[in-house]
Every structure is written in C-alpha cells, then in structure tokens.
Amino acid sequence: MAFPSYKETDRFSDLTEIDKEIWVLQKSLFDLRLKKITAGTSTKSHLFIHVKRRISQLQYKKSLLKKLQK
C-alpha cells in the first residue's frame, strides 16, 4: 500500500469538505487503536502511519485555504 499523495488533496476546495474528511480519518484512527487494544493480536502498523499522514496533509491543505480566504 503506497502513501497517499498530496496531489489527491486537490479535489478538496471547501473547508467543510476537508473537515468532514478529517473527522472520518480520525474516527478510523480511533477504530484502529481500539482494535489494537481489544483484539490483542498484531495489527497492521502501517495503517496508523497512512492515516496520520493523510490527516496531516489535509490539515496543511486546510491552513492554506484559510490563508487564501483572508
């Protein structure tokens, strides 16, 4: 599984869309953490890295859009 590229964030042009996507990713990150704790089995650690990276990309895109709106 490849890292999500920053170019994929170009499809988001509205802050509300970015907020919704960040919320969905944070929920999936929470679910991954919950599975890791409750299952007691080995989880795919690369999924944590991919989700965190995507969240940070979207937060950066959000900050750029905020600067452009001012």
PDB file of N, CA and C in Angstrom:
ATOM      1  N   MET A   1       0.849  -1.173   0.000  1.00  0.00           N
ATOM      2  CA  MET A   1       0.000   0.000   0.000  1.00  0.00           C
ATOM      3  C   MET A   1       0.895   1.237   0.000  1.00  0.00           C
ATOM      4  N   ALA A   2       0.687   2.107  -0.944  1.00  0.00           N
ATOM      5  CA  ALA A   2       1.507   3.307  -1.080  1.00  0.00           C
ATOM      6  C   ALA A   2       0.948   4.436  -0.219  1.00  0.00           C
ATOM      7  N   PHE A   3       1.854   5.344   0.138  1.00  0.00           N
ATOM      8  CA  PHE A   3       1.422   6.518   0.885  1.00  0.00           C
ATOM      9  C   PHE A   3       0.445   7.334   0.063  1.00  0.00           C
ATOM     10  N   PRO A   4      -0.542   7.943   0.702  1.00  0.00           N
ATOM     11  CA  PRO A   4      -1.432   8.836  -0.039  1.00  0.00           C
ATOM     12  C   PRO A   4      -0.653  10.085  -0.463  1.00  0.00           C
ATOM     13  N   SER A   5      -0.802  10.470  -1.695  1.00  0.00           N
ATOM     14  CA  SER A   5      -0.046  11.623  -2.186  1.00  0.00           C
ATOM     15  C   SER A   5      -0.796  12.920  -1.890  1.00  0.00           C
ATOM     16  N   TYR A   6      -0.012  13.985  -1.817  1.00  0.00           N
ATOM     17  CA  TYR A   6      -0.596  15.291  -1.516  1.00  0.00           C
ATOM     18  C   TYR A   6      -1.456  15.783  -2.679  1.00  0.00           C
ATOM     19  N   LYS A   7      -1.166  15.350  -3.885  1.00  0.00           N
ATOM     20  CA  LYS A   7      -1.933  15.776  -5.051  1.00  0.00           C
ATOM     21  C   LYS A   7      -3.398  15.368  -4.948  1.00  0.00           C
ATOM     22  N   GLU A   8      -3.672  14.327  -4.191  1.00  0.00           N
ATOM     23  CA  GLU A   8      -5.056  13.883  -4.017  1.00  0.00           C
ATOM     24  C   GLU A   8      -5.885  14.878  -3.206  1.00  0.00           C
ATOM     25  N   THR A   9      -5.231  15.776  -2.494  1.00  0.00           N
ATOM     26  CA  THR A   9      -5.967  16.776  -1.719  1.00  0.00           C
ATOM     27  C   THR A   9      -6.503  17.895  -2.603  1.00  0.00           C
ATOM     28  N   ASP A  10      -6.104  17.933  -3.855  1.00  0.00           N
ATOM     29  CA  ASP A  10      -6.581  18.978  -4.764  1.00  0.00           C
ATOM     30  C   ASP A  10      -8.072  18.885  -5.030  1.00  0.00           C
ATOM     31  N   ARG A  11      -8.645  17.728  -4.802  1.00  0.00           N
ATOM     32  CA  ARG A  11     -10.081  17.589  -5.040  1.00  0.00           C
ATOM     33  C   ARG A  11     -10.913  18.289  -3.972  1.00  0.00           C
ATOM     34  N   PHE A  12     -10.278  18.663  -2.858  1.00  0.00           N
ATOM     35  CA  PHE A  12     -10.974  19.393  -1.803  1.00  0.00           C
ATOM     36  C   PHE A  12     -10.803  20.892  -2.027  1.00  0.00           C
ATOM     37  N   SER A  13     -11.901  21.577  -2.207  1.00  0.00           N
ATOM     38  CA  SER A  13     -11.824  23.015  -2.423  1.00  0.00           C
ATOM     39  C   SER A  13     -12.559  23.796  -1.346  1.00  0.00           C
ATOM     40  N   ASP A  14     -13.221  23.083  -0.456  1.00  0.00           N
ATOM     41  CA  ASP A  14     -14.022  23.726   0.567  1.00  0.00           C
ATOM     42  C   ASP A  14     -13.553  23.251   1.942  1.00  0.00           C
ATOM     43  N   LEU A  15     -13.573  24.173   2.912  1.00  0.00           N
ATOM     44  CA  LEU A  15     -13.125  23.824   4.255  1.00  0.00           C
ATOM     45  C   LEU A  15     -14.029  22.790   4.919  1.00  0.00           C
ATOM     46  N   THR A  16     -15.311  22.826   4.619  1.00  0.00           N
ATOM     47  CA  THR A  16     -16.216  21.860   5.241  1.00  0.00           C
ATOM     48  C   THR A  16     -15.952  20.443   4.735  1.00  0.00           C
ATOM     49  N   GLU A  17     -15.612  20.317   3.463  1.00  0.00           N
ATOM     50  CA  GLU A  17     -15.273  19.001   2.917  1.00  0.00           C
ATOM     51  C   GLU A  17     -14.023  18.450   3.604  1.00  0.00           C
ATOM     52  N   ILE A  18     -13.049  19.313   3.808  1.00  0.00           N
ATOM     53  CA  ILE A  18     -11.815  18.893   4.467  1.00  0.00           C
ATOM     54  C   ILE A  18     -12.099  18.494   5.907  1.00  0.00           C
ATOM     55  N   ASP A  19     -12.922  19.273   6.595  1.00  0.00           N
ATOM     56  CA  ASP A  19     -13.275  18.943   7.977  1.00  0.00           C
ATOM     57  C   ASP A  19     -13.981  17.596   8.073  1.00  0.00           C
ATOM     58  N   LYS A  20     -14.871  17.331   7.137  1.00  0.00           N
ATOM     59  CA  LYS A  20     -15.571  16.044   7.135  1.00  0.00           C
ATOM     60  C   LYS A  20     -14.600  14.889   6.915  1.00  0.00           C
ATOM     61  N   GLU A  21     -13.685  15.066   5.989  1.00  0.00           N
ATOM     62  CA  GLU A  21     -12.712  14.011   5.694  1.00  0.00           C
ATOM     63  C   GLU A  21     -11.774  13.787   6.881  1.00  0.00           C
ATOM     64  N   ILE A  22     -11.358  14.869   7.534  1.00  0.00           N
ATOM     65  CA  ILE A  22     -10.506  14.743   8.716  1.00  0.00           C
ATOM     66  C   ILE A  22     -11.257  13.997   9.814  1.00  0.00           C
ATOM     67  N   TRP A  23     -12.532  14.306   9.986  1.00  0.00           N
ATOM     68  CA  TRP A  23     -13.334  13.638  11.001  1.00  0.00           C
ATOM     69  C   TRP A  23     -13.431  12.140  10.722  1.00  0.00           C
ATOM     70  N   VAL A  24     -13.646  11.781   9.475  1.00  0.00           N
ATOM     71  CA  VAL A  24     -13.740  10.368   9.101  1.00  0.00           C
ATOM     72  C   VAL A  24     -12.408   9.659   9.358  1.00  0.00           C
ATOM     73  N   LEU A  25     -11.313  10.312   9.020  1.00  0.00           N
ATOM     74  CA  LEU A  25      -9.998   9.711   9.237  1.00  0.00           C
ATOM     75  C   LEU A  25      -9.674   9.573  10.723  1.00  0.00           C
ATOM     76  N   GLN A  26     -10.059  10.573  11.521  1.00  0.00           N
ATOM     77  CA  GLN A  26      -9.829  10.481  12.953  1.00  0.00           C
ATOM     78  C   GLN A  26     -10.654   9.358  13.566  1.00  0.00           C
ATOM     79  N   LYS A  27     -11.848   9.166  13.060  1.00  0.00           N
ATOM     80  CA  LYS A  27     -12.686   8.066  13.536  1.00  0.00           C
ATOM     81  C   LYS A  27     -12.055   6.722  13.174  1.00  0.00           C
ATOM     82  N   SER A  28     -11.529   6.617  11.968  1.00  0.00           N
ATOM     83  CA  SER A  28     -10.887   5.356  11.573  1.00  0.00           C
ATOM     84  C   SER A  28      -9.609   5.117  12.381  1.00  0.00           C
ATOM     85  N   LEU A  29      -8.890   6.192  12.721  1.00  0.00           N
ATOM     86  CA  LEU A  29      -7.705   6.055  13.561  1.00  0.00           C
ATOM     87  C   LEU A  29      -8.100   5.571  14.956  1.00  0.00           C
ATOM     88  N   PHE A  30      -9.184   6.107  15.473  1.00  0.00           N
ATOM     89  CA  PHE A  30      -9.689   5.652  16.765  1.00  0.00           C
ATOM     90  C   PHE A  30     -10.072   4.179  16.709  1.00  0.00           C
ATOM     91  N   ASP A  31     -10.742   3.782  15.640  1.00  0.00           N
ATOM     92  CA  ASP A  31     -11.134   2.374  15.481  1.00  0.00           C
ATOM     93  C   ASP A  31      -9.909   1.462  15.401  1.00  0.00           C
ATOM     94  N   LEU A  32      -8.870   1.910  14.712  1.00  0.00           N
ATOM     95  CA  LEU A  32      -7.635   1.128  14.641  1.00  0.00           C
ATOM     96  C   LEU A  32      -7.015   0.961  16.021  1.00  0.00           C
ATOM     97  N   ARG A  33      -6.996   2.052  16.783  1.00  0.00           N
ATOM     98  CA  ARG A  33      -6.439   1.977  18.132  1.00  0.00           C
ATOM     99  C   ARG A  33      -7.271   1.055  19.017  1.00  0.00           C
ATOM    100  N   LEU A  34      -8.578   1.126  18.864  1.00  0.00           N
ATOM    101  CA  LEU A  34      -9.464   0.283  19.652  1.00  0.00           C
ATOM    102  C   LEU A  34      -9.262  -1.188  19.308  1.00  0.00           C
ATOM    103  N   LYS A  35      -9.126  -1.482  18.025  1.00  0.00           N
ATOM    104  CA  LYS A  35      -8.865  -2.861  17.606  1.00  0.00           C
ATOM    105  C   LYS A  35      -7.543  -3.363  18.159  1.00  0.00           C
ATOM    106  N   LYS A  36      -6.550  -2.505  18.169  1.00  0.00           N
ATOM    107  CA  LYS A  36      -5.237  -2.890  18.665  1.00  0.00           C
ATOM    108  C   LYS A  36      -5.317  -3.250  20.146  1.00  0.00           C
ATOM    109  N   ILE A  37      -6.088  -2.499  20.907  1.00  0.00           N
ATOM    110  CA  ILE A  37      -6.191  -2.737  22.345  1.00  0.00           C
ATOM    111  C   ILE A  37      -7.054  -3.956  22.640  1.00  0.00           C
ATOM    112  N   THR A  38      -8.203  -4.053  21.995  1.00  0.00           N
ATOM    113  CA  THR A  38      -9.149  -5.105  22.344  1.00  0.00           C
ATOM    114  C   THR A  38      -8.816  -6.453  21.717  1.00  0.00           C
ATOM    115  N   ALA A  39      -8.284  -6.460  20.539  1.00  0.00           N
ATOM    116  CA  ALA A  39      -8.033  -7.722  19.854  1.00  0.00           C
ATOM    117  C   ALA A  39      -6.845  -8.453  20.458  1.00  0.00           C
ATOM    118  N   GLY A  40      -5.850  -7.719  20.877  1.00  0.00           N
ATOM    119  CA  GLY A  40      -4.671  -8.341  21.437  1.00  0.00           C
ATOM    120  C   GLY A  40      -3.789  -9.024  20.414  1.00  0.00           C
ATOM    121  N   THR A  41      -4.191  -8.975  19.166  1.00  0.00           N
ATOM    122  CA  THR A  41      -3.370  -9.557  18.112  1.00  0.00           C
ATOM    123  C   THR A  41      -2.571  -8.462  17.425  1.00  0.00           C
ATOM    124  N   SER A  42      -1.647  -8.869  16.614  1.00  0.00           N
ATOM    125  CA  SER A  42      -0.843  -7.882  15.909  1.00  0.00           C
ATOM    126  C   SER A  42      -1.707  -7.188  14.858  1.00  0.00           C
ATOM    127  N   THR A  43      -1.598  -5.888  14.819  1.00  0.00           N
ATOM    128  CA  THR A  43      -2.334  -5.100  13.841  1.00  0.00           C
ATOM    129  C   THR A  43      -1.362  -4.597  12.789  1.00  0.00           C
ATOM    130  N   LYS A  44      -1.897  -4.138  11.721  1.00  0.00           N
ATOM    131  CA  LYS A  44      -1.066  -3.613  10.627  1.00  0.00           C
ATOM    132  C   LYS A  44      -0.636  -2.194  10.995  1.00  0.00           C
ATOM    133  N   SER A  45       0.575  -2.068  11.465  1.00  0.00           N
ATOM    134  CA  SER A  45       1.054  -0.783  11.964  1.00  0.00           C
ATOM    135  C   SER A  45       1.181   0.262  10.860  1.00  0.00           C
ATOM    136  N   HIS A  46       1.349  -0.171   9.622  1.00  0.00           N
ATOM    137  CA  HIS A  46       1.472   0.793   8.532  1.00  0.00           C
ATOM    138  C   HIS A  46       0.176   1.569   8.322  1.00  0.00           C
ATOM    139  N   LEU A  47      -0.963   1.014   8.724  1.00  0.00           N
ATOM    140  CA  LEU A  47      -2.236   1.723   8.577  1.00  0.00           C
ATOM    141  C   LEU A  47      -2.278   2.965   9.449  1.00  0.00           C
ATOM    142  N   PHE A  48      -1.684   2.888  10.645  1.00  0.00           N
ATOM    143  CA  PHE A  48      -1.613   4.058  11.514  1.00  0.00           C
ATOM    144  C   PHE A  48      -0.826   5.173  10.830  1.00  0.00           C
ATOM    145  N   ILE A  49       0.273   4.805  10.229  1.00  0.00           N
ATOM    146  CA  ILE A  49       1.134   5.787   9.569  1.00  0.00           C
ATOM    147  C   ILE A  49       0.414   6.432   8.393  1.00  0.00           C
ATOM    148  N   HIS A  50      -0.297   5.630   7.602  1.00  0.00           N
ATOM    149  CA  HIS A  50      -1.002   6.161   6.442  1.00  0.00           C
ATOM    150  C   HIS A  50      -2.111   7.129   6.850  1.00  0.00           C
ATOM    151  N   VAL A  51      -2.874   6.763   7.872  1.00  0.00           N
ATOM    152  CA  VAL A  51      -3.988   7.621   8.305  1.00  0.00           C
ATOM    153  C   VAL A  51      -3.458   8.912   8.905  1.00  0.00           C
ATOM    154  N   LYS A  52      -2.427   8.821   9.735  1.00  0.00           N
ATOM    155  CA  LYS A  52      -1.867  10.033  10.341  1.00  0.00           C
ATOM    156  C   LYS A  52      -1.289  10.964   9.276  1.00  0.00           C
ATOM    157  N   ARG A  53      -0.646  10.382   8.286  1.00  0.00           N
ATOM    158  CA  ARG A  53      -0.067  11.188   7.205  1.00  0.00           C
ATOM    159  C   ARG A  53      -1.167  11.904   6.418  1.00  0.00           C
ATOM    160  N   ARG A  54      -2.249  11.191   6.140  1.00  0.00           N
ATOM    161  CA  ARG A  54      -3.359  11.782   5.395  1.00  0.00           C
ATOM    162  C   ARG A  54      -4.004  12.910   6.193  1.00  0.00           C
ATOM    163  N   ILE A  55      -4.161  12.725   7.488  1.00  0.00           N
ATOM    164  CA  ILE A  55      -4.729  13.780   8.335  1.00  0.00           C
ATOM    165  C   ILE A  55      -3.844  15.014   8.298  1.00  0.00           C
ATOM    166  N   SER A  56      -2.551  14.834   8.409  1.00  0.00           N
ATOM    167  CA  SER A  56      -1.650  15.983   8.393  1.00  0.00           C
ATOM    168  C   SER A  56      -1.660  16.686   7.032  1.00  0.00           C
ATOM    169  N   GLN A  57      -1.776  15.921   5.950  1.00  0.00           N
ATOM    170  CA  GLN A  57      -1.873  16.538   4.625  1.00  0.00           C
ATOM    171  C   GLN A  57      -3.130  17.395   4.520  1.00  0.00           C
ATOM    172  N   LEU A  58      -4.237  16.879   5.026  1.00  0.00           N
ATOM    173  CA  LEU A  58      -5.490  17.628   4.956  1.00  0.00           C
ATOM    174  C   LEU A  58      -5.464  18.853   5.860  1.00  0.00           C
ATOM    175  N   GLN A  59      -4.831  18.748   7.007  1.00  0.00           N
ATOM    176  CA  GLN A  59      -4.730  19.914   7.881  1.00  0.00           C
ATOM    177  C   GLN A  59      -3.871  21.003   7.251  1.00  0.00           C
ATOM    178  N   TYR A  60      -2.824  20.602   6.558  1.00  0.00           N
ATOM    179  CA  TYR A  60      -1.986  21.575   5.859  1.00  0.00           C
ATOM    180  C   TYR A  60      -2.780  22.247   4.738  1.00  0.00           C
ATOM    181  N   LYS A  61      -3.514  21.452   3.978  1.00  0.00           N
ATOM    182  CA  LYS A  61      -4.343  21.998   2.899  1.00  0.00           C
ATOM    183  C   LYS A  61      -5.381  22.965   3.461  1.00  0.00           C
ATOM    184  N   LYS A  62      -5.937  22.613   4.601  1.00  0.00           N
ATOM    185  CA  LYS A  62      -6.925  23.474   5.252  1.00  0.00           C
ATOM    186  C   LYS A  62      -6.308  24.812   5.661  1.00  0.00           C
ATOM    187  N   SER A  63      -5.091  24.776   6.199  1.00  0.00           N
ATOM    188  CA  SER A  63      -4.434  26.020   6.591  1.00  0.00           C
ATOM    189  C   SER A  63      -4.120  26.896   5.380  1.00  0.00           C
ATOM    190  N   LEU A  64      -3.754  26.268   4.262  1.00  0.00           N
ATOM    191  CA  LEU A  64      -3.512  27.045   3.042  1.00  0.00           C
ATOM    192  C   LEU A  64      -4.783  27.704   2.530  1.00  0.00           C
ATOM    193  N   LEU A  65      -5.888  26.964   2.568  1.00  0.00           N
ATOM    194  CA  LEU A  65      -7.156  27.543   2.113  1.00  0.00           C
ATOM    195  C   LEU A  65      -7.596  28.686   3.013  1.00  0.00           C
ATOM    196  N   LYS A  66      -7.343  28.563   4.306  1.00  0.00           N
ATOM    197  CA  LYS A  66      -7.699  29.652   5.225  1.00  0.00           C
ATOM    198  C   LYS A  66      -6.890  30.905   4.925  1.00  0.00           C
ATOM    199  N   LYS A  67      -5.615  30.720   4.607  1.00  0.00           N
ATOM    200  CA  LYS A  67      -4.764  31.875   4.295  1.00  0.00           C
ATOM    201  C   LYS A  67      -5.224  32.540   3.009  1.00  0.00           C
ATOM    202  N   LEU A  68      -5.673  31.765   2.043  1.00  0.00           N
ATOM    203  CA  LEU A  68      -6.122  32.328   0.785  1.00  0.00           C
ATOM    204  C   LEU A  68      -7.438  33.078   0.923  1.00  0.00           C
ATOM    205  N   GLN A  69      -8.252  32.676   1.874  1.00  0.00           N
ATOM    206  CA  GLN A  69      -9.548  33.325   2.063  1.00  0.00           C
ATOM    207  C   GLN A  69      -9.410  34.680   2.744  1.00  0.00           C
ATOM    208  N   LYS A  70      -8.315  34.913   3.443  1.00  0.00           N
ATOM    209  CA  LYS A  70      -8.143  36.190   4.154  1.00  0.00           C
ATOM    210  C   LYS A  70      -7.827  37.304   3.213  1.00  0.00           C
TER     211      LYS A  70
END
